[in-house]
Each structure stands twice: as C-alpha cells, then as structure tokens.
Amino acid sequence: MDAYTPQLLALGLRGMIGKGLRSQPVIDAMKQYGAVYFGAVGGAAALIARSIQSSRVVAYPDLGAEAIHEFVIKDFPVTVIIDAHGNNLYETGPKQYRKDMP
C-alpha cells in the first residue's frame, strides 16, 4: 500500500495502523500532511477492536479489511511508531540500545 499512501494522505488520511516498516516517501508525506503511523502487535486485533466505539467505511469498500475507515476510538492500545514530525521508533528504539553495547 505504500505506493498509494502519499496520495491518500494528500486527500485527508491522517492515521494508519500496521506492523511493519514504511518507505521514506511515505514518511515524507506523513510529515507534510501531519499524519501518524500506529503500530500494533500481531494477535492484538480483538483487544484493539474493543477500543473502537464506531466505524464506517469512507473509501474503497471493495478492498474489505484494507478499505479506508473512519474510527471513533477511546483508550486505543497501540503505539505511535512514526509521528507527524517523522520521528520513527523503528529507528530510534534500536539505536538507543545499540549505543550501550560494546
């Protein structure tokens, strides 16, 4: 989906949930449009779903689970992996621990 993400961000998408890395063009677009990337651990879908108070498909219903949804959430148990300034926990996290290793 990274190939389409900058265009979706330009159209108003402001948050994404996933488990993997994002490309630099996506991170650049996130900074430009003020978007965030939330990380979730595998197997946590049931826990995360309990935080969703309402949901509606706003685009691409034919994509099923990959459709664009609007959520109203409360106490959302995810981690901000990449913030709207481009700070990337997938990069800063490992660096923090590597510096203490011989």
PDB file of N, CA and C in Angstrom:
ATOM      1  N   MET A   1       0.804  -1.203   0.000  1.00  0.00           N
ATOM      2  CA  MET A   1       0.000   0.000   0.000  1.00  0.00           C
ATOM      3  C   MET A   1       0.851   1.273   0.000  1.00  0.00           C
ATOM      4  N   ASP A   2       2.152   1.182   0.253  1.00  0.00           N
ATOM      5  CA  ASP A   2       2.984   2.384   0.307  1.00  0.00           C
ATOM      6  C   ASP A   2       2.925   3.197  -0.984  1.00  0.00           C
ATOM      7  N   ALA A   3       2.739   2.541  -2.110  1.00  0.00           N
ATOM      8  CA  ALA A   3       2.697   3.267  -3.384  1.00  0.00           C
ATOM      9  C   ALA A   3       1.531   4.251  -3.430  1.00  0.00           C
ATOM     10  N   TYR A   4       0.442   3.952  -2.731  1.00  0.00           N
ATOM     11  CA  TYR A   4      -0.759   4.785  -2.757  1.00  0.00           C
ATOM     12  C   TYR A   4      -0.870   5.714  -1.550  1.00  0.00           C
ATOM     13  N   THR A   5      -0.075   5.484  -0.538  1.00  0.00           N
ATOM     14  CA  THR A   5      -0.229   6.220   0.716  1.00  0.00           C
ATOM     15  C   THR A   5      -0.019   7.728   0.579  1.00  0.00           C
ATOM     16  N   PRO A   6       1.020   8.231  -0.108  1.00  0.00           N
ATOM     17  CA  PRO A   6       1.148   9.692  -0.219  1.00  0.00           C
ATOM     18  C   PRO A   6      -0.092  10.356  -0.830  1.00  0.00           C
ATOM     19  N   GLN A   7      -0.687   9.715  -1.818  1.00  0.00           N
ATOM     20  CA  GLN A   7      -1.893  10.289  -2.425  1.00  0.00           C
ATOM     21  C   GLN A   7      -3.049  10.280  -1.426  1.00  0.00           C
ATOM     22  N   LEU A   8      -3.197   9.208  -0.665  1.00  0.00           N
ATOM     23  CA  LEU A   8      -4.260   9.142   0.337  1.00  0.00           C
ATOM     24  C   LEU A   8      -4.050  10.191   1.425  1.00  0.00           C
ATOM     25  N   LEU A   9      -2.806  10.417   1.812  1.00  0.00           N
ATOM     26  CA  LEU A   9      -2.517  11.454   2.798  1.00  0.00           C
ATOM     27  C   LEU A   9      -2.877  12.828   2.248  1.00  0.00           C
ATOM     28  N   ALA A  10      -2.603  13.067   0.986  1.00  0.00           N
ATOM     29  CA  ALA A  10      -2.958  14.345   0.359  1.00  0.00           C
ATOM     30  C   ALA A  10      -4.467  14.556   0.347  1.00  0.00           C
ATOM     31  N   LEU A  11      -5.215  13.458   0.337  1.00  0.00           N
ATOM     32  CA  LEU A  11      -6.679  13.534   0.312  1.00  0.00           C
ATOM     33  C   LEU A  11      -7.298  13.606   1.704  1.00  0.00           C
ATOM     34  N   GLY A  12      -6.468  13.519   2.754  1.00  0.00           N
ATOM     35  CA  GLY A  12      -7.004  13.697   4.101  1.00  0.00           C
ATOM     36  C   GLY A  12      -6.760  12.578   5.091  1.00  0.00           C
ATOM     37  N   LEU A  13      -6.186  11.467   4.672  1.00  0.00           N
ATOM     38  CA  LEU A  13      -5.870  10.386   5.611  1.00  0.00           C
ATOM     39  C   LEU A  13      -4.870  10.905   6.638  1.00  0.00           C
ATOM     40  N   ARG A  14      -5.119  10.666   7.927  1.00  0.00           N
ATOM     41  CA  ARG A  14      -4.221  11.194   8.952  1.00  0.00           C
ATOM     42  C   ARG A  14      -3.675  10.138   9.905  1.00  0.00           C
ATOM     43  N   GLY A  15      -4.158   8.922   9.830  1.00  0.00           N
ATOM     44  CA  GLY A  15      -3.641   7.875  10.698  1.00  0.00           C
ATOM     45  C   GLY A  15      -3.710   6.526  10.026  1.00  0.00           C
ATOM     46  N   MET A  16      -2.696   5.693  10.290  1.00  0.00           N
ATOM     47  CA  MET A  16      -2.630   4.347   9.722  1.00  0.00           C
ATOM     48  C   MET A  16      -2.190   3.393  10.820  1.00  0.00           C
ATOM     49  N   ILE A  17      -2.655   2.157  10.734  1.00  0.00           N
ATOM     50  CA  ILE A  17      -2.277   1.129  11.693  1.00  0.00           C
ATOM     51  C   ILE A  17      -1.592   0.008  10.938  1.00  0.00           C
ATOM     52  N   GLY A  18      -0.474  -0.481  11.464  1.00  0.00           N
ATOM     53  CA  GLY A  18       0.222  -1.579  10.807  1.00  0.00           C
ATOM     54  C   GLY A  18       1.222  -2.235  11.726  1.00  0.00           C
ATOM     55  N   LYS A  19       2.053  -3.086  11.139  1.00  0.00           N
ATOM     56  CA  LYS A  19       3.060  -3.805  11.920  1.00  0.00           C
ATOM     57  C   LYS A  19       4.460  -3.674  11.336  1.00  0.00           C
ATOM     58  N   GLY A  20       4.579  -3.096  10.171  1.00  0.00           N
ATOM     59  CA  GLY A  20       5.877  -3.109   9.502  1.00  0.00           C
ATOM     60  C   GLY A  20       6.434  -1.734   9.213  1.00  0.00           C
ATOM     61  N   LEU A  21       7.556  -1.739   8.519  1.00  0.00           N
ATOM     62  CA  LEU A  21       8.256  -0.510   8.155  1.00  0.00           C
ATOM     63  C   LEU A  21       7.491   0.260   7.091  1.00  0.00           C
ATOM     64  N   ARG A  22       7.718   1.573   7.023  1.00  0.00           N
ATOM     65  CA  ARG A  22       7.155   2.418   5.975  1.00  0.00           C
ATOM     66  C   ARG A  22       8.311   2.983   5.159  1.00  0.00           C
ATOM     67  N   SER A  23       8.047   3.235   3.879  1.00  0.00           N
ATOM     68  CA  SER A  23       9.086   3.756   2.989  1.00  0.00           C
ATOM     69  C   SER A  23       9.343   5.235   3.278  1.00  0.00           C
ATOM     70  N   GLN A  24      10.500   5.730   2.838  1.00  0.00           N
ATOM     71  CA  GLN A  24      10.831   7.139   3.061  1.00  0.00           C
ATOM     72  C   GLN A  24       9.843   8.084   2.375  1.00  0.00           C
ATOM     73  N   PRO A  25       9.368   7.792   1.145  1.00  0.00           N
ATOM     74  CA  PRO A  25       8.362   8.685   0.564  1.00  0.00           C
ATOM     75  C   PRO A  25       7.088   8.779   1.411  1.00  0.00           C
ATOM     76  N   VAL A  26       6.702   7.691   2.049  1.00  0.00           N
ATOM     77  CA  VAL A  26       5.527   7.725   2.926  1.00  0.00           C
ATOM     78  C   VAL A  26       5.821   8.577   4.158  1.00  0.00           C
ATOM     79  N   ILE A  27       6.980   8.403   4.755  1.00  0.00           N
ATOM     80  CA  ILE A  27       7.342   9.190   5.935  1.00  0.00           C
ATOM     81  C   ILE A  27       7.402  10.674   5.587  1.00  0.00           C
ATOM     82  N   ASP A  28       7.951  11.005   4.433  1.00  0.00           N
ATOM     83  CA  ASP A  28       7.998  12.406   3.992  1.00  0.00           C
ATOM     84  C   ASP A  28       6.591  12.970   3.833  1.00  0.00           C
ATOM     85  N   ALA A  29       5.688  12.195   3.252  1.00  0.00           N
ATOM     86  CA  ALA A  29       4.302  12.641   3.078  1.00  0.00           C
ATOM     87  C   ALA A  29       3.603  12.770   4.431  1.00  0.00           C
ATOM     88  N   MET A  30       3.910  11.885   5.361  1.00  0.00           N
ATOM     89  CA  MET A  30       3.331  11.986   6.701  1.00  0.00           C
ATOM     90  C   MET A  30       3.730  13.302   7.360  1.00  0.00           C
ATOM     91  N   LYS A  31       4.989  13.687   7.216  1.00  0.00           N
ATOM     92  CA  LYS A  31       5.452  14.964   7.766  1.00  0.00           C
ATOM     93  C   LYS A  31       4.747  16.129   7.075  1.00  0.00           C
ATOM     94  N   GLN A  32       4.613  16.041   5.776  1.00  0.00           N
ATOM     95  CA  GLN A  32       3.983  17.119   5.012  1.00  0.00           C
ATOM     96  C   GLN A  32       2.526  17.327   5.419  1.00  0.00           C
ATOM     97  N   TYR A  33       1.791  16.229   5.656  1.00  0.00           N
ATOM     98  CA  TYR A  33       0.356  16.316   5.912  1.00  0.00           C
ATOM     99  C   TYR A  33      -0.029  16.133   7.381  1.00  0.00           C
ATOM    100  N   GLY A  34       0.946  15.904   8.256  1.00  0.00           N
ATOM    101  CA  GLY A  34       0.645  15.782   9.680  1.00  0.00           C
ATOM    102  C   GLY A  34      -0.017  14.472  10.061  1.00  0.00           C
ATOM    103  N   ALA A  35       0.448  13.379   9.489  1.00  0.00           N
ATOM    104  CA  ALA A  35      -0.147  12.064   9.754  1.00  0.00           C
ATOM    105  C   ALA A  35       0.722  11.246  10.700  1.00  0.00           C
ATOM    106  N   VAL A  36       0.126  10.211  11.284  1.00  0.00           N
ATOM    107  CA  VAL A  36       0.842   9.320  12.195  1.00  0.00           C
ATOM    108  C   VAL A  36       0.639   7.867  11.778  1.00  0.00           C
ATOM    109  N   TYR A  37       1.589   7.036  12.189  1.00  0.00           N
ATOM    110  CA  TYR A  37       1.539   5.596  11.926  1.00  0.00           C
ATOM    111  C   TYR A  37       1.561   4.878  13.264  1.00  0.00           C
ATOM    112  N   PHE A  38       0.503   4.141  13.537  1.00  0.00           N
ATOM    113  CA  PHE A  38       0.381   3.387  14.772  1.00  0.00           C
ATOM    114  C   PHE A  38       0.826   1.955  14.548  1.00  0.00           C
ATOM    115  N   GLY A  39       1.527   1.395  15.502  1.00  0.00           N
ATOM    116  CA  GLY A  39       1.948   0.005  15.432  1.00  0.00           C
ATOM    117  C   GLY A  39       1.130  -0.841  16.384  1.00  0.00           C
ATOM    118  N   ALA A  40       0.824  -2.032  15.937  1.00  0.00           N
ATOM    119  CA  ALA A  40       0.095  -2.989  16.764  1.00  0.00           C
ATOM    120  C   ALA A  40       0.797  -4.330  16.670  1.00  0.00           C
ATOM    121  N   VAL A  41       0.813  -5.044  17.761  1.00  0.00           N
ATOM    122  CA  VAL A  41       1.431  -6.364  17.736  1.00  0.00           C
ATOM    123  C   VAL A  41       0.466  -7.365  17.122  1.00  0.00           C
ATOM    124  N   GLY A  42       1.021  -8.368  16.479  1.00  0.00           N
ATOM    125  CA  GLY A  42       0.194  -9.413  15.902  1.00  0.00           C
ATOM    126  C   GLY A  42      -0.625 -10.107  16.976  1.00  0.00           C
ATOM    127  N   GLY A  43      -1.855 -10.422  16.661  1.00  0.00           N
ATOM    128  CA  GLY A  43      -2.724 -11.115  17.601  1.00  0.00           C
ATOM    129  C   GLY A  43      -3.498 -10.204  18.533  1.00  0.00           C
ATOM    130  N   ALA A  44      -3.312  -8.897  18.414  1.00  0.00           N
ATOM    131  CA  ALA A  44      -3.975  -7.959  19.326  1.00  0.00           C
ATOM    132  C   ALA A  44      -5.257  -7.372  18.753  1.00  0.00           C
ATOM    133  N   ALA A  45      -5.721  -7.879  17.639  1.00  0.00           N
ATOM    134  CA  ALA A  45      -6.886  -7.292  16.970  1.00  0.00           C
ATOM    135  C   ALA A  45      -8.119  -7.260  17.867  1.00  0.00           C
ATOM    136  N   ALA A  46      -8.365  -8.318  18.623  1.00  0.00           N
ATOM    137  CA  ALA A  46      -9.548  -8.350  19.489  1.00  0.00           C
ATOM    138  C   ALA A  46      -9.464  -7.269  20.563  1.00  0.00           C
ATOM    139  N   LEU A  47      -8.288  -7.082  21.135  1.00  0.00           N
ATOM    140  CA  LEU A  47      -8.099  -6.043  22.145  1.00  0.00           C
ATOM    141  C   LEU A  47      -8.283  -4.659  21.533  1.00  0.00           C
ATOM    142  N   ILE A  48      -7.686  -4.437  20.393  1.00  0.00           N
ATOM    143  CA  ILE A  48      -7.799  -3.143  19.714  1.00  0.00           C
ATOM    144  C   ILE A  48      -9.249  -2.860  19.336  1.00  0.00           C
ATOM    145  N   ALA A  49      -9.949  -3.874  18.854  1.00  0.00           N
ATOM    146  CA  ALA A  49     -11.338  -3.703  18.413  1.00  0.00           C
ATOM    147  C   ALA A  49     -12.237  -3.216  19.547  1.00  0.00           C
ATOM    148  N   ARG A  50     -11.935  -3.586  20.774  1.00  0.00           N
ATOM    149  CA  ARG A  50     -12.762  -3.148  21.912  1.00  0.00           C
ATOM    150  C   ARG A  50     -12.673  -1.642  22.130  1.00  0.00           C
ATOM    151  N   SER A  51     -11.631  -1.004  21.612  1.00  0.00           N
ATOM    152  CA  SER A  51     -11.457   0.441  21.768  1.00  0.00           C
ATOM    153  C   SER A  51     -12.199   1.240  20.706  1.00  0.00           C
ATOM    154  N   ILE A  52     -12.693   0.572  19.696  1.00  0.00           N
ATOM    155  CA  ILE A  52     -13.384   1.265  18.601  1.00  0.00           C
ATOM    156  C   ILE A  52     -14.847   1.442  18.980  1.00  0.00           C
ATOM    157  N   GLN A  53     -15.249   2.695  19.157  1.00  0.00           N
ATOM    158  CA  GLN A  53     -16.623   2.991  19.539  1.00  0.00           C
ATOM    159  C   GLN A  53     -17.552   3.016  18.337  1.00  0.00           C
ATOM    160  N   SER A  54     -17.039   3.457  17.199  1.00  0.00           N
ATOM    161  CA  SER A  54     -17.820   3.403  15.962  1.00  0.00           C
ATOM    162  C   SER A  54     -16.864   3.372  14.778  1.00  0.00           C
ATOM    163  N   SER A  55     -17.371   2.856  13.673  1.00  0.00           N
ATOM    164  CA  SER A  55     -16.555   2.705  12.469  1.00  0.00           C
ATOM    165  C   SER A  55     -17.446   2.832  11.248  1.00  0.00           C
ATOM    166  N   ARG A  56     -16.892   3.456  10.224  1.00  0.00           N
ATOM    167  CA  ARG A  56     -17.607   3.473   8.940  1.00  0.00           C
ATOM    168  C   ARG A  56     -16.584   3.471   7.816  1.00  0.00           C
ATOM    169  N   VAL A  57     -16.929   2.792   6.746  1.00  0.00           N
ATOM    170  CA  VAL A  57     -16.076   2.764   5.559  1.00  0.00           C
ATOM    171  C   VAL A  57     -16.288   4.069   4.814  1.00  0.00           C
ATOM    172  N   VAL A  58     -15.194   4.766   4.513  1.00  0.00           N
ATOM    173  CA  VAL A  58     -15.303   6.040   3.807  1.00  0.00           C
ATOM    174  C   VAL A  58     -14.776   5.970   2.379  1.00  0.00           C
ATOM    175  N   ALA A  59     -14.014   4.916   2.052  1.00  0.00           N
ATOM    176  CA  ALA A  59     -13.496   4.787   0.685  1.00  0.00           C
ATOM    177  C   ALA A  59     -13.062   3.348   0.424  1.00  0.00           C
ATOM    178  N   TYR A  60     -13.183   2.953  -0.804  1.00  0.00           N
ATOM    179  CA  TYR A  60     -12.720   1.657  -1.299  1.00  0.00           C
ATOM    180  C   TYR A  60     -13.320   0.460  -0.552  1.00  0.00           C
ATOM    181  N   PRO A  61     -14.641   0.380  -0.464  1.00  0.00           N
ATOM    182  CA  PRO A  61     -15.258  -0.743   0.248  1.00  0.00           C
ATOM    183  C   PRO A  61     -14.925  -2.098  -0.372  1.00  0.00           C
ATOM    184  N   ASP A  62     -14.607  -2.105  -1.656  1.00  0.00           N
ATOM    185  CA  ASP A  62     -14.264  -3.362  -2.332  1.00  0.00           C
ATOM    186  C   ASP A  62     -12.960  -3.970  -1.821  1.00  0.00           C
ATOM    187  N   LEU A  63     -12.169  -3.218  -1.059  1.00  0.00           N
ATOM    188  CA  LEU A  63     -10.912  -3.735  -0.522  1.00  0.00           C
ATOM    189  C   LEU A  63     -11.090  -4.495   0.793  1.00  0.00           C
ATOM    190  N   GLY A  64     -12.306  -4.582   1.280  1.00  0.00           N
ATOM    191  CA  GLY A  64     -12.559  -5.333   2.509  1.00  0.00           C
ATOM    192  C   GLY A  64     -11.810  -4.748   3.689  1.00  0.00           C
ATOM    193  N   ALA A  65     -10.972  -5.570   4.330  1.00  0.00           N
ATOM    194  CA  ALA A  65     -10.232  -5.126   5.517  1.00  0.00           C
ATOM    195  C   ALA A  65      -9.263  -3.989   5.207  1.00  0.00           C
ATOM    196  N   GLU A  66      -8.870  -3.833   3.951  1.00  0.00           N
ATOM    197  CA  GLU A  66      -7.943  -2.765   3.559  1.00  0.00           C
ATOM    198  C   GLU A  66      -8.667  -1.485   3.146  1.00  0.00           C
ATOM    199  N   ALA A  67      -9.997  -1.473   3.227  1.00  0.00           N
ATOM    200  CA  ALA A  67     -10.762  -0.272   2.902  1.00  0.00           C
ATOM    201  C   ALA A  67     -10.365   0.855   3.859  1.00  0.00           C
ATOM    202  N   ILE A  68     -10.675   2.076   3.472  1.00  0.00           N
ATOM    203  CA  ILE A  68     -10.389   3.226   4.324  1.00  0.00           C
ATOM    204  C   ILE A  68     -11.569   3.410   5.274  1.00  0.00           C
ATOM    205  N   HIS A  69     -11.273   3.371   6.578  1.00  0.00           N
ATOM    206  CA  HIS A  69     -12.298   3.502   7.608  1.00  0.00           C
ATOM    207  C   HIS A  69     -12.103   4.791   8.405  1.00  0.00           C
ATOM    208  N   GLU A  70     -13.189   5.285   8.928  1.00  0.00           N
ATOM    209  CA  GLU A  70     -13.136   6.350   9.926  1.00  0.00           C
ATOM    210  C   GLU A  70     -13.537   5.707  11.251  1.00  0.00           C
ATOM    211  N   PHE A  71     -12.693   5.864  12.263  1.00  0.00           N
ATOM    212  CA  PHE A  71     -12.953   5.282  13.576  1.00  0.00           C
ATOM    213  C   PHE A  71     -13.144   6.374  14.616  1.00  0.00           C
ATOM    214  N   VAL A  72     -14.025   6.121  15.552  1.00  0.00           N
ATOM    215  CA  VAL A  72     -14.084   6.878  16.796  1.00  0.00           C
ATOM    216  C   VAL A  72     -13.551   5.911  17.841  1.00  0.00           C
ATOM    217  N   ILE A  73     -12.481   6.319  18.536  1.00  0.00           N
ATOM    218  CA  ILE A  73     -11.791   5.399  19.451  1.00  0.00           C
ATOM    219  C   ILE A  73     -11.685   5.991  20.855  1.00  0.00           C
ATOM    220  N   LYS A  74     -11.471   5.095  21.822  1.00  0.00           N
ATOM    221  CA  LYS A  74     -11.221   5.507  23.205  1.00  0.00           C
ATOM    222  C   LYS A  74     -10.249   4.508  23.812  1.00  0.00           C
ATOM    223  N   ASP A  75      -9.215   5.022  24.486  1.00  0.00           N
ATOM    224  CA  ASP A  75      -8.205   4.169  25.127  1.00  0.00           C
ATOM    225  C   ASP A  75      -7.635   3.162  24.137  1.00  0.00           C
ATOM    226  N   PHE A  76      -7.077   3.667  23.072  1.00  0.00           N
ATOM    227  CA  PHE A  76      -6.601   2.860  21.939  1.00  0.00           C
ATOM    228  C   PHE A  76      -5.245   2.236  22.269  1.00  0.00           C
ATOM    229  N   PRO A  77      -5.145   0.905  22.401  1.00  0.00           N
ATOM    230  CA  PRO A  77      -3.898   0.256  22.838  1.00  0.00           C
ATOM    231  C   PRO A  77      -2.903  -0.020  21.709  1.00  0.00           C
ATOM    232  N   VAL A  78      -2.423   1.049  21.106  1.00  0.00           N
ATOM    233  CA  VAL A  78      -1.409   0.936  20.059  1.00  0.00           C
ATOM    234  C   VAL A  78      -0.263   1.888  20.406  1.00  0.00           C
ATOM    235  N   THR A  79       0.831   1.783  19.679  1.00  0.00           N
ATOM    236  CA  THR A  79       1.999   2.630  19.893  1.00  0.00           C
ATOM    237  C   THR A  79       2.196   3.526  18.680  1.00  0.00           C
ATOM    238  N   VAL A  80       2.499   4.792  18.917  1.00  0.00           N
ATOM    239  CA  VAL A  80       2.841   5.677  17.802  1.00  0.00           C
ATOM    240  C   VAL A  80       4.247   5.289  17.353  1.00  0.00           C
ATOM    241  N   ILE A  81       4.344   4.723  16.165  1.00  0.00           N
ATOM    242  CA  ILE A  81       5.635   4.292  15.624  1.00  0.00           C
ATOM    243  C   ILE A  81       6.315   5.442  14.886  1.00  0.00           C
ATOM    244  N   ILE A  82       5.551   6.142  14.057  1.00  0.00           N
ATOM    245  CA  ILE A  82       6.082   7.306  13.336  1.00  0.00           C
ATOM    246  C   ILE A  82       5.125   8.464  13.597  1.00  0.00           C
ATOM    247  N   ASP A  83       5.647   9.547  14.154  1.00  0.00           N
ATOM    248  CA  ASP A  83       4.784  10.684  14.452  1.00  0.00           C
ATOM    249  C   ASP A  83       4.740  11.664  13.281  1.00  0.00           C
ATOM    250  N   ALA A  84       3.980  12.728  13.450  1.00  0.00           N
ATOM    251  CA  ALA A  84       3.773  13.699  12.375  1.00  0.00           C
ATOM    252  C   ALA A  84       5.018  14.522  12.058  1.00  0.00           C
ATOM    253  N   HIS A  85       6.078  14.362  12.849  1.00  0.00           N
ATOM    254  CA  HIS A  85       7.347  15.046  12.589  1.00  0.00           C
ATOM    255  C   HIS A  85       8.366  14.119  11.939  1.00  0.00           C
ATOM    256  N   GLY A  86       7.972  12.869  11.705  1.00  0.00           N
ATOM    257  CA  GLY A  86       8.879  11.910  11.080  1.00  0.00           C
ATOM    258  C   GLY A  86       9.741  11.129  12.055  1.00  0.00           C
ATOM    259  N   ASN A  87       9.554  11.349  13.356  1.00  0.00           N
ATOM    260  CA  ASN A  87      10.291  10.561  14.352  1.00  0.00           C
ATOM    261  C   ASN A  87       9.837   9.110  14.256  1.00  0.00           C
ATOM    262  N   ASN A  88      10.789   8.209  14.095  1.00  0.00           N
ATOM    263  CA  ASN A  88      10.490   6.819  13.767  1.00  0.00           C
ATOM    264  C   ASN A  88      11.034   5.892  14.856  1.00  0.00           C
ATOM    265  N   LEU A  89      10.132   5.292  15.619  1.00  0.00           N
ATOM    266  CA  LEU A  89      10.528   4.405  16.709  1.00  0.00           C
ATOM    267  C   LEU A  89      11.268   3.173  16.203  1.00  0.00           C
ATOM    268  N   TYR A  90      10.987   2.752  14.972  1.00  0.00           N
ATOM    269  CA  TYR A  90      11.712   1.611  14.407  1.00  0.00           C
ATOM    270  C   TYR A  90      13.198   1.936  14.206  1.00  0.00           C
ATOM    271  N   GLU A  91      13.538   3.214  14.123  1.00  0.00           N
ATOM    272  CA  GLU A  91      14.943   3.624  14.003  1.00  0.00           C
ATOM    273  C   GLU A  91      15.528   4.031  15.348  1.00  0.00           C
ATOM    274  N   THR A  92      14.812   4.874  16.091  1.00  0.00           N
ATOM    275  CA  THR A  92      15.359   5.392  17.344  1.00  0.00           C
ATOM    276  C   THR A  92      15.414   4.345  18.449  1.00  0.00           C
ATOM    277  N   GLY A  93      14.459   3.436  18.477  1.00  0.00           N
ATOM    278  CA  GLY A  93      14.439   2.401  19.513  1.00  0.00           C
ATOM    279  C   GLY A  93      15.687   1.538  19.503  1.00  0.00           C
ATOM    280  N   PRO A  94      16.006   0.887  18.382  1.00  0.00           N
ATOM    281  CA  PRO A  94      17.220   0.060  18.344  1.00  0.00           C
ATOM    282  C   PRO A  94      18.501   0.860  18.582  1.00  0.00           C
ATOM    283  N   LYS A  95      18.575   2.101  18.088  1.00  0.00           N
ATOM    284  CA  LYS A  95      19.780   2.919  18.291  1.00  0.00           C
ATOM    285  C   LYS A  95      20.037   3.156  19.774  1.00  0.00           C
ATOM    286  N   GLN A  96      18.986   3.342  20.522  1.00  0.00           N
ATOM    287  CA  GLN A  96      19.114   3.594  21.953  1.00  0.00           C
ATOM    288  C   GLN A  96      19.808   2.427  22.648  1.00  0.00           C
ATOM    289  N   TYR A  97      19.506   1.226  22.245  1.00  0.00           N
ATOM    290  CA  TYR A  97      20.089   0.058  22.901  1.00  0.00           C
ATOM    291  C   TYR A  97      21.449  -0.321  22.331  1.00  0.00           C
ATOM    292  N   ARG A  98      21.671  -0.041  21.058  1.00  0.00           N
ATOM    293  CA  ARG A  98      22.968  -0.350  20.448  1.00  0.00           C
ATOM    294  C   ARG A  98      24.096   0.490  21.033  1.00  0.00           C
ATOM    295  N   LYS A  99      23.808   1.712  21.409  1.00  0.00           N
ATOM    296  CA  LYS A  99      24.865   2.594  21.912  1.00  0.00           C
ATOM    297  C   LYS A  99      25.464   2.072  23.217  1.00  0.00           C
ATOM    298  N   ASP A 100      24.714   1.259  23.950  1.00  0.00           N
ATOM    299  CA  ASP A 100      25.215   0.710  25.207  1.00  0.00           C
ATOM    300  C   ASP A 100      25.948  -0.609  25.031  1.00  0.00           C
ATOM    301  N   MET A 101      25.984  -1.118  23.811  1.00  0.00           N
ATOM    302  CA  MET A 101      26.635  -2.404  23.563  1.00  0.00           C
ATOM    303  C   MET A 101      28.098  -2.185  23.180  1.00  0.00           C
ATOM    304  N   PRO A 102      28.989  -3.086  23.608  1.00  0.00           N
ATOM    305  CA  PRO A 102      30.415  -2.936  23.246  1.00  0.00           C
ATOM    306  C   PRO A 102      30.654  -3.128  21.766  1.00  0.00           C
TER     307      PRO A 102
END
